[in-house]
């Protein structure tokens, strides 16, 4: 199923990017442009990210090395 019709990004692609470490809508946008045109898919992307386990979050929860968050680095 398509999540971002502007760029033809599917739900499976969003999940794959999340498994590869993209844990925020901004990181998903950097990976595949989803959410950067009309923006109507951003809430769907947020919902998908909220449901799945993010490897980066699991590392942080276990006291492992924290990877930099692009949103925090930009602030």
PDB file of N, CA and C in Angstrom:
ATOM      1  N   UNK A   1       0.846  -1.180   0.000  1.00  0.00           N
ATOM      2  CA  UNK A   1       0.000   0.000   0.000  1.00  0.00           C
ATOM      3  C   UNK A   1       0.895   1.249   0.000  1.00  0.00           C
ATOM      4  N   UNK A   2       0.508   2.215  -0.809  1.00  0.00           N
ATOM      5  CA  UNK A   2       1.281   3.456  -0.870  1.00  0.00           C
ATOM      6  C   UNK A   2       0.996   4.334   0.340  1.00  0.00           C
ATOM      7  N   UNK A   3       2.066   4.864   0.908  1.00  0.00           N
ATOM      8  CA  UNK A   3       1.963   5.823   2.003  1.00  0.00           C
ATOM      9  C   UNK A   3       2.102   7.226   1.411  1.00  0.00           C
ATOM     10  N   UNK A   4       3.069   7.405   0.557  1.00  0.00           N
ATOM     11  CA  UNK A   4       3.335   8.700  -0.080  1.00  0.00           C
ATOM     12  C   UNK A   4       3.088   8.562  -1.582  1.00  0.00           C
ATOM     13  N   UNK A   5       1.973   9.105  -2.029  1.00  0.00           N
ATOM     14  CA  UNK A   5       1.657   8.996  -3.455  1.00  0.00           C
ATOM     15  C   UNK A   5       2.480   9.981  -4.293  1.00  0.00           C
ATOM     16  N   UNK A   6       2.973  11.048  -3.693  1.00  0.00           N
ATOM     17  CA  UNK A   6       3.797  12.019  -4.435  1.00  0.00           C
ATOM     18  C   UNK A   6       5.083  11.373  -4.954  1.00  0.00           C
ATOM     19  N   UNK A   7       5.688  10.513  -4.145  1.00  0.00           N
ATOM     20  CA  UNK A   7       6.956   9.888  -4.517  1.00  0.00           C
ATOM     21  C   UNK A   7       6.852   8.373  -4.659  1.00  0.00           C
ATOM     22  N   UNK A   8       5.643   7.816  -4.557  1.00  0.00           N
ATOM     23  CA  UNK A   8       5.453   6.386  -4.749  1.00  0.00           C
ATOM     24  C   UNK A   8       6.122   5.528  -3.692  1.00  0.00           C
ATOM     25  N   UNK A   9       6.091   5.975  -2.435  1.00  0.00           N
ATOM     26  CA  UNK A   9       6.738   5.246  -1.345  1.00  0.00           C
ATOM     27  C   UNK A   9       5.694   4.366  -0.651  1.00  0.00           C
ATOM     28  N   UNK A  10       6.034   3.103  -0.497  1.00  0.00           N
ATOM     29  CA  UNK A  10       5.098   2.151   0.091  1.00  0.00           C
ATOM     30  C   UNK A  10       5.315   2.002   1.595  1.00  0.00           C
ATOM     31  N   UNK A  11       4.328   1.397   2.225  1.00  0.00           N
ATOM     32  CA  UNK A  11       4.418   1.102   3.656  1.00  0.00           C
ATOM     33  C   UNK A  11       5.631   0.212   3.937  1.00  0.00           C
ATOM     34  N   UNK A  12       5.858  -0.769   3.076  1.00  0.00           N
ATOM     35  CA  UNK A  12       6.999  -1.671   3.256  1.00  0.00           C
ATOM     36  C   UNK A  12       8.324  -0.908   3.181  1.00  0.00           C
ATOM     37  N   UNK A  13       8.422   0.064   2.280  1.00  0.00           N
ATOM     38  CA  UNK A  13       9.648   0.861   2.173  1.00  0.00           C
ATOM     39  C   UNK A  13       9.867   1.687   3.438  1.00  0.00           C
ATOM     40  N   UNK A  14       8.799   2.254   3.993  1.00  0.00           N
ATOM     41  CA  UNK A  14       8.911   3.021   5.239  1.00  0.00           C
ATOM     42  C   UNK A  14       9.420   2.102   6.350  1.00  0.00           C
ATOM     43  N   UNK A  15       8.852   0.911   6.446  1.00  0.00           N
ATOM     44  CA  UNK A  15       9.277  -0.047   7.469  1.00  0.00           C
ATOM     45  C   UNK A  15      10.733  -0.439   7.287  1.00  0.00           C
ATOM     46  N   UNK A  16      11.163  -0.607   6.042  1.00  0.00           N
ATOM     47  CA  UNK A  16      12.559  -0.969   5.781  1.00  0.00           C
ATOM     48  C   UNK A  16      13.501   0.166   6.186  1.00  0.00           C
ATOM     49  N   UNK A  17      13.137   1.398   5.878  1.00  0.00           N
ATOM     50  CA  UNK A  17      13.970   2.537   6.288  1.00  0.00           C
ATOM     51  C   UNK A  17      14.032   2.620   7.815  1.00  0.00           C
ATOM     52  N   UNK A  18      12.917   2.331   8.486  1.00  0.00           N
ATOM     53  CA  UNK A  18      12.900   2.345   9.953  1.00  0.00           C
ATOM     54  C   UNK A  18      13.819   1.263  10.507  1.00  0.00           C
ATOM     55  N   UNK A  19      13.806   0.083   9.897  1.00  0.00           N
ATOM     56  CA  UNK A  19      14.702  -0.993  10.328  1.00  0.00           C
ATOM     57  C   UNK A  19      16.160  -0.611  10.121  1.00  0.00           C
ATOM     58  N   UNK A  20      16.408   0.224   9.131  1.00  0.00           N
ATOM     59  CA  UNK A  20      17.772   0.678   8.842  1.00  0.00           C
ATOM     60  C   UNK A  20      18.179   1.878   9.689  1.00  0.00           C
ATOM     61  N   UNK A  21      17.288   2.330  10.596  1.00  0.00           N
ATOM     62  CA  UNK A  21      17.673   3.381  11.530  1.00  0.00           C
ATOM     63  C   UNK A  21      16.952   4.706  11.400  1.00  0.00           C
ATOM     64  N   UNK A  22      16.082   4.867  10.426  1.00  0.00           N
ATOM     65  CA  UNK A  22      15.336   6.119  10.290  1.00  0.00           C
ATOM     66  C   UNK A  22      14.127   6.064  11.212  1.00  0.00           C
ATOM     67  N   UNK A  23      14.188   6.771  12.323  1.00  0.00           N
ATOM     68  CA  UNK A  23      13.176   6.632  13.377  1.00  0.00           C
ATOM     69  C   UNK A  23      12.256   7.835  13.525  1.00  0.00           C
ATOM     70  N   UNK A  24      12.421   8.840  12.685  1.00  0.00           N
ATOM     71  CA  UNK A  24      11.562  10.016  12.747  1.00  0.00           C
ATOM     72  C   UNK A  24      11.084  10.328  11.332  1.00  0.00           C
ATOM     73  N   UNK A  25       9.964  11.043  11.208  1.00  0.00           N
ATOM     74  CA  UNK A  25       9.522  11.437   9.862  1.00  0.00           C
ATOM     75  C   UNK A  25      10.591  12.208   9.089  1.00  0.00           C
ATOM     76  N   UNK A  26      11.357  13.010   9.768  1.00  0.00           N
ATOM     77  CA  UNK A  26      12.418  13.771   9.093  1.00  0.00           C
ATOM     78  C   UNK A  26      13.491  12.831   8.531  1.00  0.00           C
ATOM     79  N   UNK A  27      13.838  11.804   9.290  1.00  0.00           N
ATOM     80  CA  UNK A  27      14.831  10.838   8.808  1.00  0.00           C
ATOM     81  C   UNK A  27      14.276  10.010   7.654  1.00  0.00           C
ATOM     82  N   UNK A  28      12.989   9.679   7.712  1.00  0.00           N
ATOM     83  CA  UNK A  28      12.345   8.984   6.593  1.00  0.00           C
ATOM     84  C   UNK A  28      12.387   9.880   5.358  1.00  0.00           C
ATOM     85  N   UNK A  29      12.098  11.157   5.524  1.00  0.00           N
ATOM     86  CA  UNK A  29      12.142  12.101   4.409  1.00  0.00           C
ATOM     87  C   UNK A  29      13.537  12.165   3.795  1.00  0.00           C
ATOM     88  N   UNK A  30      14.557  12.138   4.627  1.00  0.00           N
ATOM     89  CA  UNK A  30      15.930  12.163   4.121  1.00  0.00           C
ATOM     90  C   UNK A  30      16.252  10.894   3.341  1.00  0.00           C
ATOM     91  N   UNK A  31      15.662   9.788   3.773  1.00  0.00           N
ATOM     92  CA  UNK A  31      15.942   8.507   3.134  1.00  0.00           C
ATOM     93  C   UNK A  31      15.222   8.326   1.807  1.00  0.00           C
ATOM     94  N   UNK A  32      13.977   8.836   1.686  1.00  0.00           N
ATOM     95  CA  UNK A  32      13.198   8.530   0.480  1.00  0.00           C
ATOM     96  C   UNK A  32      12.294   9.658  -0.009  1.00  0.00           C
ATOM     97  N   UNK A  33      12.367  10.832   0.591  1.00  0.00           N
ATOM     98  CA  UNK A  33      11.585  12.015   0.222  1.00  0.00           C
ATOM     99  C   UNK A  33      10.125  11.965   0.658  1.00  0.00           C
ATOM    100  N   UNK A  34       9.663  10.856   1.228  1.00  0.00           N
ATOM    101  CA  UNK A  34       8.266  10.769   1.660  1.00  0.00           C
ATOM    102  C   UNK A  34       7.970  11.875   2.666  1.00  0.00           C
ATOM    103  N   UNK A  35       6.883  12.586   2.455  1.00  0.00           N
ATOM    104  CA  UNK A  35       6.481  13.664   3.355  1.00  0.00           C
ATOM    105  C   UNK A  35       7.030  15.024   3.024  1.00  0.00           C
ATOM    106  N   UNK A  36       7.806  15.123   1.950  1.00  0.00           N
ATOM    107  CA  UNK A  36       8.441  16.406   1.640  1.00  0.00           C
ATOM    108  C   UNK A  36       7.711  17.221   0.581  1.00  0.00           C
ATOM    109  N   UNK A  37       6.671  16.666  -0.049  1.00  0.00           N
ATOM    110  CA  UNK A  37       5.969  17.428  -1.078  1.00  0.00           C
ATOM    111  C   UNK A  37       4.678  17.999  -0.501  1.00  0.00           C
ATOM    112  N   UNK A  38       3.587  17.302  -0.583  1.00  0.00           N
ATOM    113  CA  UNK A  38       2.319  17.856  -0.095  1.00  0.00           C
ATOM    114  C   UNK A  38       2.151  17.696   1.420  1.00  0.00           C
ATOM    115  N   UNK A  39       2.841  16.708   2.005  1.00  0.00           N
ATOM    116  CA  UNK A  39       2.799  16.520   3.453  1.00  0.00           C
ATOM    117  C   UNK A  39       1.623  15.713   3.974  1.00  0.00           C
ATOM    118  N   UNK A  40       0.734  15.271   3.096  1.00  0.00           N
ATOM    119  CA  UNK A  40      -0.445  14.549   3.575  1.00  0.00           C
ATOM    120  C   UNK A  40      -0.113  13.182   4.165  1.00  0.00           C
ATOM    121  N   UNK A  41       1.065  12.650   3.897  1.00  0.00           N
ATOM    122  CA  UNK A  41       1.428  11.327   4.394  1.00  0.00           C
ATOM    123  C   UNK A  41       2.180  11.361   5.725  1.00  0.00           C
ATOM    124  N   UNK A  42       2.513  12.523   6.227  1.00  0.00           N
ATOM    125  CA  UNK A  42       3.348  12.619   7.431  1.00  0.00           C
ATOM    126  C   UNK A  42       2.696  11.932   8.629  1.00  0.00           C
ATOM    127  N   UNK A  43       1.401  12.105   8.809  1.00  0.00           N
ATOM    128  CA  UNK A  43       0.725  11.448   9.936  1.00  0.00           C
ATOM    129  C   UNK A  43       0.755   9.931   9.800  1.00  0.00           C
ATOM    130  N   UNK A  44       0.626   9.448   8.583  1.00  0.00           N
ATOM    131  CA  UNK A  44       0.692   7.995   8.351  1.00  0.00           C
ATOM    132  C   UNK A  44       2.097   7.487   8.653  1.00  0.00           C
ATOM    133  N   UNK A  45       3.108   8.237   8.260  1.00  0.00           N
ATOM    134  CA  UNK A  45       4.497   7.867   8.552  1.00  0.00           C
ATOM    135  C   UNK A  45       4.711   7.839  10.060  1.00  0.00           C
ATOM    136  N   UNK A  46       4.215   8.851  10.764  1.00  0.00           N
ATOM    137  CA  UNK A  46       4.334   8.884  12.223  1.00  0.00           C
ATOM    138  C   UNK A  46       3.672   7.665  12.848  1.00  0.00           C
ATOM    139  N   UNK A  47       2.513   7.288  12.341  1.00  0.00           N
ATOM    140  CA  UNK A  47       1.803   6.126  12.875  1.00  0.00           C
ATOM    141  C   UNK A  47       2.604   4.846  12.638  1.00  0.00           C
ATOM    142  N   UNK A  48       3.182   4.708  11.468  1.00  0.00           N
ATOM    143  CA  UNK A  48       3.990   3.520  11.176  1.00  0.00           C
ATOM    144  C   UNK A  48       5.225   3.460  12.061  1.00  0.00           C
ATOM    145  N   UNK A  49       5.862   4.586  12.271  1.00  0.00           N
ATOM    146  CA  UNK A  49       7.058   4.620  13.119  1.00  0.00           C
ATOM    147  C   UNK A  49       6.708   4.352  14.573  1.00  0.00           C
ATOM    148  N   UNK A  50       5.535   4.801  14.999  1.00  0.00           N
ATOM    149  CA  UNK A  50       5.115   4.595  16.373  1.00  0.00           C
ATOM    150  C   UNK A  50       4.800   3.154  16.690  1.00  0.00           C
ATOM    151  N   UNK A  51       4.394   2.382  15.684  1.00  0.00           N
ATOM    152  CA  UNK A  51       4.022   0.991  15.889  1.00  0.00           C
ATOM    153  C   UNK A  51       5.216   0.060  15.913  1.00  0.00           C
ATOM    154  N   UNK A  52       6.203   0.340  15.085  1.00  0.00           N
ATOM    155  CA  UNK A  52       7.330  -0.570  14.946  1.00  0.00           C
ATOM    156  C   UNK A  52       8.428  -0.289  15.950  1.00  0.00           C
ATOM    157  N   UNK A  53       9.225  -1.285  16.174  1.00  0.00           N
ATOM    158  CA  UNK A  53      10.379  -1.118  17.057  1.00  0.00           C
ATOM    159  C   UNK A  53      11.508  -0.473  16.269  1.00  0.00           C
ATOM    160  N   UNK A  54      12.063   0.554  16.819  1.00  0.00           N
ATOM    161  CA  UNK A  54      13.180   1.241  16.180  1.00  0.00           C
ATOM    162  C   UNK A  54      14.475   0.718  16.800  1.00  0.00           C
ATOM    163  N   UNK A  55      15.366   0.175  15.997  1.00  0.00           N
ATOM    164  CA  UNK A  55      16.623  -0.347  16.555  1.00  0.00           C
ATOM    165  C   UNK A  55      17.388   0.694  17.362  1.00  0.00           C
ATOM    166  N   UNK A  56      17.340   1.955  16.943  1.00  0.00           N
ATOM    167  CA  UNK A  56      18.062   3.008  17.666  1.00  0.00           C
ATOM    168  C   UNK A  56      17.451   3.228  19.034  1.00  0.00           C
ATOM    169  N   UNK A  57      16.116   3.186  19.139  1.00  0.00           N
ATOM    170  CA  UNK A  57      15.458   3.364  20.427  1.00  0.00           C
ATOM    171  C   UNK A  57      15.778   2.213  21.360  1.00  0.00           C
ATOM    172  N   UNK A  58      15.822   0.991  20.803  1.00  0.00           N
ATOM    173  CA  UNK A  58      16.142  -0.176  21.620  1.00  0.00           C
ATOM    174  C   UNK A  58      17.542  -0.063  22.190  1.00  0.00           C
ATOM    175  N   UNK A  59      18.494   0.403  21.399  1.00  0.00           N
ATOM    176  CA  UNK A  59      19.859   0.593  21.896  1.00  0.00           C
ATOM    177  C   UNK A  59      19.884   1.590  23.043  1.00  0.00           C
ATOM    178  N   UNK A  60      19.181   2.694  22.888  1.00  0.00           N
ATOM    179  CA  UNK A  60      19.161   3.729  23.920  1.00  0.00           C
ATOM    180  C   UNK A  60      18.509   3.196  25.196  1.00  0.00           C
ATOM    181  N   UNK A  61      17.420   2.425  25.046  1.00  0.00           N
ATOM    182  CA  UNK A  61      16.731   1.872  26.209  1.00  0.00           C
ATOM    183  C   UNK A  61      17.592   0.875  26.960  1.00  0.00           C
ATOM    184  N   UNK A  62      18.483   0.172  26.261  1.00  0.00           N
ATOM    185  CA  UNK A  62      19.326  -0.833  26.884  1.00  0.00           C
ATOM    186  C   UNK A  62      20.632  -0.241  27.412  1.00  0.00           C
ATOM    187  N   UNK A  63      20.782   1.048  27.304  1.00  0.00           N
ATOM    188  CA  UNK A  63      22.010   1.683  27.779  1.00  0.00           C
ATOM    189  C   UNK A  63      23.158   1.564  26.802  1.00  0.00           C
ATOM    190  N   UNK A  64      22.853   1.181  25.579  1.00  0.00           N
ATOM    191  CA  UNK A  64      23.878   1.048  24.546  1.00  0.00           C
ATOM    192  C   UNK A  64      24.302   2.409  24.034  1.00  0.00           C
ATOM    193  N   UNK A  65      25.226   2.407  23.086  1.00  0.00           N
ATOM    194  CA  UNK A  65      25.686   3.693  22.553  1.00  0.00           C
ATOM    195  C   UNK A  65      24.558   4.405  21.835  1.00  0.00           C
ATOM    196  N   UNK A  66      24.357   5.636  22.184  1.00  0.00           N
ATOM    197  CA  UNK A  66      23.295   6.435  21.560  1.00  0.00           C
ATOM    198  C   UNK A  66      23.799   6.960  20.226  1.00  0.00           C
ATOM    199  N   UNK A  67      22.996   6.772  19.216  1.00  0.00           N
ATOM    200  CA  UNK A  67      23.322   7.302  17.908  1.00  0.00           C
ATOM    201  C   UNK A  67      22.759   8.710  17.806  1.00  0.00           C
ATOM    202  N   UNK A  68      23.398   9.608  17.102  1.00  0.00           N
ATOM    203  CA  UNK A  68      22.907  10.979  17.021  1.00  0.00           C
ATOM    204  C   UNK A  68      21.546  11.047  16.351  1.00  0.00           C
ATOM    205  N   UNK A  69      20.690  11.885  16.872  1.00  0.00           N
ATOM    206  CA  UNK A  69      19.368  12.107  16.294  1.00  0.00           C
ATOM    207  C   UNK A  69      19.463  13.347  15.415  1.00  0.00           C
ATOM    208  N   UNK A  70      19.104  13.197  14.154  1.00  0.00           N
ATOM    209  CA  UNK A  70      19.230  14.302  13.205  1.00  0.00           C
ATOM    210  C   UNK A  70      18.409  15.507  13.617  1.00  0.00           C
ATOM    211  N   UNK A  71      17.241  15.278  14.202  1.00  0.00           N
ATOM    212  CA  UNK A  71      16.401  16.412  14.625  1.00  0.00           C
ATOM    213  C   UNK A  71      17.057  17.190  15.768  1.00  0.00           C
ATOM    214  N   UNK A  72      17.678  16.471  16.700  1.00  0.00           N
ATOM    215  CA  UNK A  72      18.328  17.159  17.817  1.00  0.00           C
ATOM    216  C   UNK A  72      19.597  17.862  17.342  1.00  0.00           C
ATOM    217  N   UNK A  73      20.323  17.245  16.411  1.00  0.00           N
ATOM    218  CA  UNK A  73      21.548  17.846  15.916  1.00  0.00           C
ATOM    219  C   UNK A  73      21.272  19.138  15.157  1.00  0.00           C
ATOM    220  N   UNK A  74      20.102  19.201  14.499  1.00  0.00           N
ATOM    221  CA  UNK A  74      19.760  20.386  13.723  1.00  0.00           C
ATOM    222  C   UNK A  74      19.314  21.543  14.608  1.00  0.00           C
ATOM    223  N   UNK A  75      18.910  21.249  15.828  1.00  0.00           N
ATOM    224  CA  UNK A  75      18.392  22.297  16.723  1.00  0.00           C
ATOM    225  C   UNK A  75      19.481  23.169  17.282  1.00  0.00           C
TER     226      UNK A  75
END
